[in-house]
Protein backbone atom coordinates (compact mmCIF):
# COMPACT_ATOMS: atom_id res chain seq x y z
CA MET A 1 -12.90 7.67 -16.66
CA GLN A 2 -10.52 10.72 -16.59
CA THR A 3 -7.16 9.98 -15.05
CA ARG A 4 -4.09 11.96 -14.04
CA VAL A 5 -0.57 10.91 -13.74
CA ALA A 6 0.97 11.79 -10.36
CA VAL A 7 3.99 10.91 -8.18
CA MET A 8 3.53 10.40 -4.46
CA SER A 9 6.50 10.93 -2.17
CA ILE A 10 6.23 9.18 1.13
CA ILE A 11 8.62 9.57 4.17
CA VAL A 12 8.11 6.82 6.72
CA GLU A 13 9.49 7.82 10.17
CA ASN A 14 7.86 4.89 12.02
CA THR A 15 8.47 1.63 10.28
CA ASP A 16 6.10 -0.16 12.72
CA PHE A 17 3.34 0.85 10.23
CA ALA A 18 5.00 -0.65 7.15
CA GLU A 19 2.50 -3.38 6.78
CA GLU A 20 -0.38 -0.91 6.91
CA ILE A 21 1.28 1.19 4.26
CA ASN A 22 1.85 -1.85 2.05
CA ASN A 23 -1.80 -2.89 2.44
CA ILE A 24 -3.00 0.49 1.22
CA LEU A 25 -0.58 0.48 -1.75
CA HIS A 26 -1.88 -3.10 -2.57
CA VAL A 27 -5.56 -1.99 -2.44
CA TYR A 28 -4.69 0.74 -5.11
CA GLY A 29 -2.29 -1.50 -6.95
CA GLN A 30 -4.41 -1.25 -10.20
CA TYR A 31 -3.47 2.37 -10.52
CA VAL A 32 0.14 2.00 -9.66
CA ILE A 33 2.63 2.46 -12.51
CA GLY A 34 5.66 1.84 -10.41
CA ARG A 35 7.14 2.09 -6.89
CA MET A 36 10.57 2.37 -5.36
CA GLY A 37 11.47 2.17 -1.79
CA LEU A 38 14.62 3.25 -0.15
CA PRO A 39 15.61 2.42 3.41
CA TYR A 40 17.68 5.26 4.94
CA ARG A 41 19.16 3.29 7.80
CA GLU A 42 21.42 6.05 9.21
CA LYS A 43 18.22 8.17 9.90
CA LYS A 44 16.04 5.23 10.66
CA ILE A 45 13.48 6.23 7.94
CA SER A 46 12.28 4.90 4.70
CA ILE A 47 11.53 6.88 1.46
CA ILE A 48 8.96 5.53 -0.94
CA SER A 49 8.05 6.99 -4.46
CA VAL A 50 4.95 5.77 -6.10
CA ALA A 51 3.88 6.75 -9.67
CA VAL A 52 0.20 6.50 -10.35
CA ASP A 53 -2.23 6.96 -13.16
CA ALA A 54 -5.75 7.29 -11.64
CA PRO A 55 -8.79 9.53 -11.26
CA GLN A 56 -8.18 12.65 -9.05
CA ASP A 57 -10.44 11.37 -6.35
CA VAL A 58 -8.71 8.08 -6.08
CA ILE A 59 -5.30 9.68 -5.75
CA SER A 60 -6.70 12.04 -3.09
CA ALA A 61 -8.27 9.08 -1.16
CA MET A 62 -5.04 7.04 -1.39
CA ALA A 63 -2.93 10.00 -0.16
CA GLY A 64 -5.46 10.72 2.73
CA LYS A 65 -5.30 7.17 3.88
CA LEU A 66 -1.49 7.04 3.80
CA GLY A 67 -1.24 10.45 5.35
CA ARG A 68 -3.45 9.42 8.48
CA ILE A 69 -0.89 6.78 9.27
CA PRO A 70 1.30 7.89 12.31
CA GLY A 71 4.78 8.77 11.35
CA VAL A 72 4.05 9.05 7.72
CA ASN A 73 4.49 12.20 5.60
CA ILE A 74 3.27 12.37 1.99
CA LYS A 75 3.24 14.91 -0.70
CA THR A 76 1.79 14.34 -4.21
CA ALA A 77 2.90 16.08 -7.43
CA TYR A 78 0.50 16.05 -10.38
CA SER A 79 1.27 16.11 -14.09
CA ASN A 80 -0.84 18.20 -16.37
CA ILE A 81 -1.20 15.11 -18.53
CA THR A 82 -4.72 13.59 -18.45
CA GLY A 83 -6.31 10.76 -20.21
CA GLU A 84 -8.98 8.29 -20.42
CA LYS A 85 -8.49 4.78 -18.76
CA PRO A 86 -11.05 2.10 -19.56
CA GLU A 87 -12.90 0.89 -16.44
CA ASN A 88 -12.20 -2.67 -15.37
């Protein structure tokens, strides 16, 4: 299975949907390399960075699900590094 390394930047403007965001990240947990969340209390937003190593279609599906949540903005930056990851 061909994989790519990517970083997802997520801005959460409506923290009422935090549980839904966490559920999606949990579903794709096998692809997550690492994750960092920063609450920006002064602006009442949260900033989440997620590094993943996954097939292109999995990254797109994950980003799409997160992007459909109200108050969530997401951008994904892809590395040119690809590789093979054994299927579980």
